[in-house]
C-alpha atoms as a PDB file:
ATOM      1  CA  MET A   1     106.135  91.772 138.335  1.00  0.00           C
ATOM      2  CA  GLY A   2     105.705  93.732 135.190  1.00  0.00           C
ATOM      3  CA  ASN A   3     106.666  92.414 131.781  1.00  0.00           C
ATOM      4  CA  ARG A   4     109.591  94.157 130.322  1.00  0.00           C
ATOM      5  CA  GLU A   5     110.488  94.124 126.856  1.00  0.00           C
ATOM      6  CA  LYS A   6     113.825  91.834 126.431  1.00  0.00           C
ATOM      7  CA  MET A   7     116.793  94.245 125.718  1.00  0.00           C
ATOM      8  CA  PRO A   8     118.471  93.497 122.281  1.00  0.00           C
ATOM      9  CA  VAL A   9     121.760  91.504 122.794  1.00  0.00           C
ATOM     10  CA  SER A  10     123.891  94.299 121.416  1.00  0.00           C
ATOM     11  CA  HIS A  11     122.961  96.377 124.351  1.00  0.00           C
ATOM     12  CA  ARG A  12     123.217  93.572 126.619  1.00  0.00           C
ATOM     13  CA  ALA A  13     126.725  93.265 125.816  1.00  0.00           C
ATOM     14  CA  LYS A  14     127.451  96.881 126.413  1.00  0.00           C
ATOM     15  CA  GLN A  15     127.127  96.773 129.868  1.00  0.00           C
ATOM     16  CA  PHE A  16     129.777  94.368 130.241  1.00  0.00           C
ATOM     17  CA  MET A  17     132.326  96.224 128.154  1.00  0.00           C
ATOM     18  CA  PRO A  18     135.505  97.260 129.825  1.00  0.00           C
ATOM     19  CA  PHE A  19     135.581 100.728 131.251  1.00  0.00           C
ATOM     20  CA  SER A  20     138.291 103.255 132.586  1.00  0.00           C
ATOM     21  CA  ALA A  21     137.273 104.311 136.193  1.00  0.00           C
ATOM     22  CA  LEU A  22     139.564 107.178 135.897  1.00  0.00           C
ATOM     23  CA  THR A  23     139.574 109.070 132.827  1.00  0.00           C
ATOM     24  CA  GLY A  24     142.807 109.977 131.364  1.00  0.00           C
ATOM     25  CA  LEU A  25     145.048 107.790 133.370  1.00  0.00           C
ATOM     26  CA  ASN A  26     146.464 105.784 130.605  1.00  0.00           C
ATOM     27  CA  GLU A  27     147.490 109.254 128.809  1.00  0.00           C
ATOM     28  CA  ALA A  28     149.213 110.487 131.721  1.00  0.00           C
ATOM     29  CA  LEU A  29     151.113 107.564 132.524  1.00  0.00           C
ATOM     30  CA  GLU A  30     152.351 107.286 128.702  1.00  0.00           C
ATOM     31  CA  ARG A  31     153.321 111.035 129.039  1.00  0.00           C
ATOM     32  CA  LYS A  32     155.197 110.248 132.240  1.00  0.00           C
ATOM     33  CA  GLU A  33     156.902 107.490 130.935  1.00  0.00           C
ATOM     34  CA  LYS A  34     158.009 109.301 127.808  1.00  0.00           C
ATOM     35  CA  GLU A  35     159.227 112.021 130.628  1.00  0.00           C
ATOM     36  CA  LEU A  36     161.225 109.377 132.348  1.00  0.00           C
ATOM     37  CA  CYS A  37     162.907 107.947 129.169  1.00  0.00           C
ATOM     38  CA  PHE A  38     163.930 111.301 127.684  1.00  0.00           C
ATOM     39  CA  ILE A  39     167.459 111.588 126.808  1.00  0.00           C
ATOM     40  CA  ALA A  40     169.443 114.680 126.467  1.00  0.00           C
ATOM     41  CA  LYS A  41     170.945 114.992 122.847  1.00  0.00           C
ATOM     42  CA  PRO A  42     174.665 113.720 123.145  1.00  0.00           C
ATOM     43  CA  VAL A  43     177.324 116.239 122.654  1.00  0.00           C
ATOM     44  CA  ILE A  44     179.771 114.970 120.191  1.00  0.00           C
ATOM     45  CA  SER A  45     183.389 116.110 119.855  1.00  0.00           C
ATOM     46  CA  GLU A  46     184.913 118.115 117.001  1.00  0.00           C
ATOM     47  CA  GLU A  47     186.796 115.103 115.741  1.00  0.00           C
ATOM     48  CA  LYS A  48     183.548 113.295 115.687  1.00  0.00           C
ATOM     49  CA  ALA A  49     181.704 115.855 113.790  1.00  0.00           C
ATOM     50  CA  GLU A  50     184.412 116.180 111.186  1.00  0.00           C
ATOM     51  CA  LEU A  51     183.968 112.331 110.624  1.00  0.00           C
ATOM     52  CA  ILE A  52     180.096 112.281 110.458  1.00  0.00           C
ATOM     53  CA  ASN A  53     180.492 115.672 108.277  1.00  0.00           C
ATOM     54  CA  THR A  54     183.155 113.737 105.672  1.00  0.00           C
ATOM     55  CA  GLU A  55     180.646 110.706 105.747  1.00  0.00           C
ATOM     56  CA  LEU A  56     177.804 113.120 104.867  1.00  0.00           C
ATOM     57  CA  LEU A  57     179.658 114.458 101.801  1.00  0.00           C
ATOM     58  CA  ASN A  58     180.763 111.155 100.682  1.00  0.00           C
ATOM     59  CA  ILE A  59     177.415 109.614 100.671  1.00  0.00           C
ATOM     60  CA  ASP A  60     175.208 109.544  97.396  1.00  0.00           C
ATOM     61  CA  PRO A  61     171.421 108.444  96.861  1.00  0.00           C
ATOM     62  CA  GLY A  62     171.295 104.640  96.234  1.00  0.00           C
ATOM     63  CA  ASP A  63     174.173 104.033  99.074  1.00  0.00           C
ATOM     64  CA  LYS A  64     173.230 101.487 101.879  1.00  0.00           C
ATOM     65  CA  ILE A  65     174.082 103.033 105.292  1.00  0.00           C
ATOM     66  CA  CYS A  66     173.307 102.522 108.798  1.00  0.00           C
ATOM     67  CA  VAL A  67     172.593 106.035 110.440  1.00  0.00           C
ATOM     68  CA  GLU A  68     172.158 106.591 114.618  1.00  0.00           C
ATOM     69  CA  TYR A  69     170.474 109.780 115.053  1.00  0.00           C
ATOM     70  CA  TYR A  70     168.913 111.734 117.728  1.00  0.00           C
ATOM     71  CA  LYS A  71     164.897 112.839 117.622  1.00  0.00           C
ATOM     72  CA  ASP A  72     162.344 113.480 120.202  1.00  0.00           C
ATOM     73  CA  GLY A  73     164.552 112.619 123.176  1.00  0.00           C
ATOM     74  CA  GLU A  74     165.291 109.187 121.769  1.00  0.00           C
ATOM     75  CA  ILE A  75     168.334 107.887 119.834  1.00  0.00           C
ATOM     76  CA  HIS A  76     167.018 106.085 116.585  1.00  0.00           C
ATOM     77  CA  THR A  77     168.624 103.654 114.268  1.00  0.00           C
ATOM     78  CA  VAL A  78     167.747 103.071 111.020  1.00  0.00           C
ATOM     79  CA  MET A  79     169.232 101.121 108.034  1.00  0.00           C
ATOM     80  CA  GLY A  80     168.363 101.369 104.463  1.00  0.00           C
ATOM     81  CA  THR A  81     169.122 102.918 101.301  1.00  0.00           C
ATOM     82  CA  VAL A  82     170.019 106.922 101.019  1.00  0.00           C
ATOM     83  CA  LYS A  83     167.156 108.203  98.813  1.00  0.00           C
ATOM     84  CA  LYS A  84     168.151 111.613  98.992  1.00  0.00           C
ATOM     85  CA  LYS A  85     170.758 114.188 100.190  1.00  0.00           C
ATOM     86  CA  ASP A  86     169.997 117.787 100.869  1.00  0.00           C
ATOM     87  CA  LEU A  87     172.990 119.550 102.320  1.00  0.00           C
ATOM     88  CA  THR A  88     171.243 123.008 101.509  1.00  0.00           C
ATOM     89  CA  TYR A  89     168.219 122.350 103.774  1.00  0.00           C
ATOM     90  CA  HIS A  90     170.713 120.049 106.222  1.00  0.00           C
ATOM     91  CA  ARG A  91     168.764 116.842 105.979  1.00  0.00           C
ATOM     92  CA  ILE A  92     169.474 113.167 104.332  1.00  0.00           C
ATOM     93  CA  ILE A  93     166.424 110.689 103.482  1.00  0.00           C
ATOM     94  CA  VAL A  94     166.979 107.146 104.563  1.00  0.00           C
ATOM     95  CA  GLY A  95     164.477 104.769 103.890  1.00  0.00           C
ATOM     96  CA  ALA A  96     161.269 106.164 105.068  1.00  0.00           C
ATOM     97  CA  GLU A  97     163.314 108.574 107.615  1.00  0.00           C
ATOM     98  CA  LYS A  98     163.956 112.139 107.231  1.00  0.00           C
ATOM     99  CA  ILE A  99     166.951 112.785 109.339  1.00  0.00           C
ATOM    100  CA  ARG A 100     168.333 116.282 109.961  1.00  0.00           C
ATOM    101  CA  THR A 101     172.192 116.087 109.454  1.00  0.00           C
ATOM    102  CA  ASP A 102     172.659 118.193 112.673  1.00  0.00           C
ATOM    103  CA  ASP A 103     170.927 115.039 114.763  1.00  0.00           C
ATOM    104  CA  VAL A 104     173.344 112.422 113.095  1.00  0.00           C
ATOM    105  CA  LEU A 105     175.397 110.900 115.584  1.00  0.00           C
ATOM    106  CA  ASN A 106     177.044 108.079 113.570  1.00  0.00           C
ATOM    107  CA  ILE A 107     176.992 106.866 110.057  1.00  0.00           C
ATOM    108  CA  TYR A 108     177.946 103.150 109.048  1.00  0.00           C
ATOM    109  CA  ARG A 109     178.606 101.971 105.387  1.00  0.00           C
ATOM    110  CA  ASP A 110     180.957  98.489 106.641  1.00  0.00           C
ATOM    111  CA  LYS A 111     177.828  97.090 108.161  1.00  0.00           C
ATOM    112  CA  ILE A 112     175.520  97.058 105.584  1.00  0.00           C
ATOM    113  CA  SER A 113     175.620  94.192 103.366  1.00  0.00           C
END
């Protein structure tokens, strides 16, 4: 047998690192899961739309609210303080979330303490 140099510890450890035998499988599974979880934007009645519009007109920066809204195939809920209301560009900012007013499904005030 010939004498070989010892492999450095850092290189020896690499041979035992986990690897993905199917490159791209995890990404494909994540995409498929997102497709399966996609929710169509709920259709709201005219009456509900009027109530939401009234609430949007009555909120001001500094108000604490809870907003349920639709974004990217999911329904999200955010609770926090209204930082900005921009009805010209049809959006409100609650906490760190920028929400299009057209995507608002519900606004709650009485559930915030």
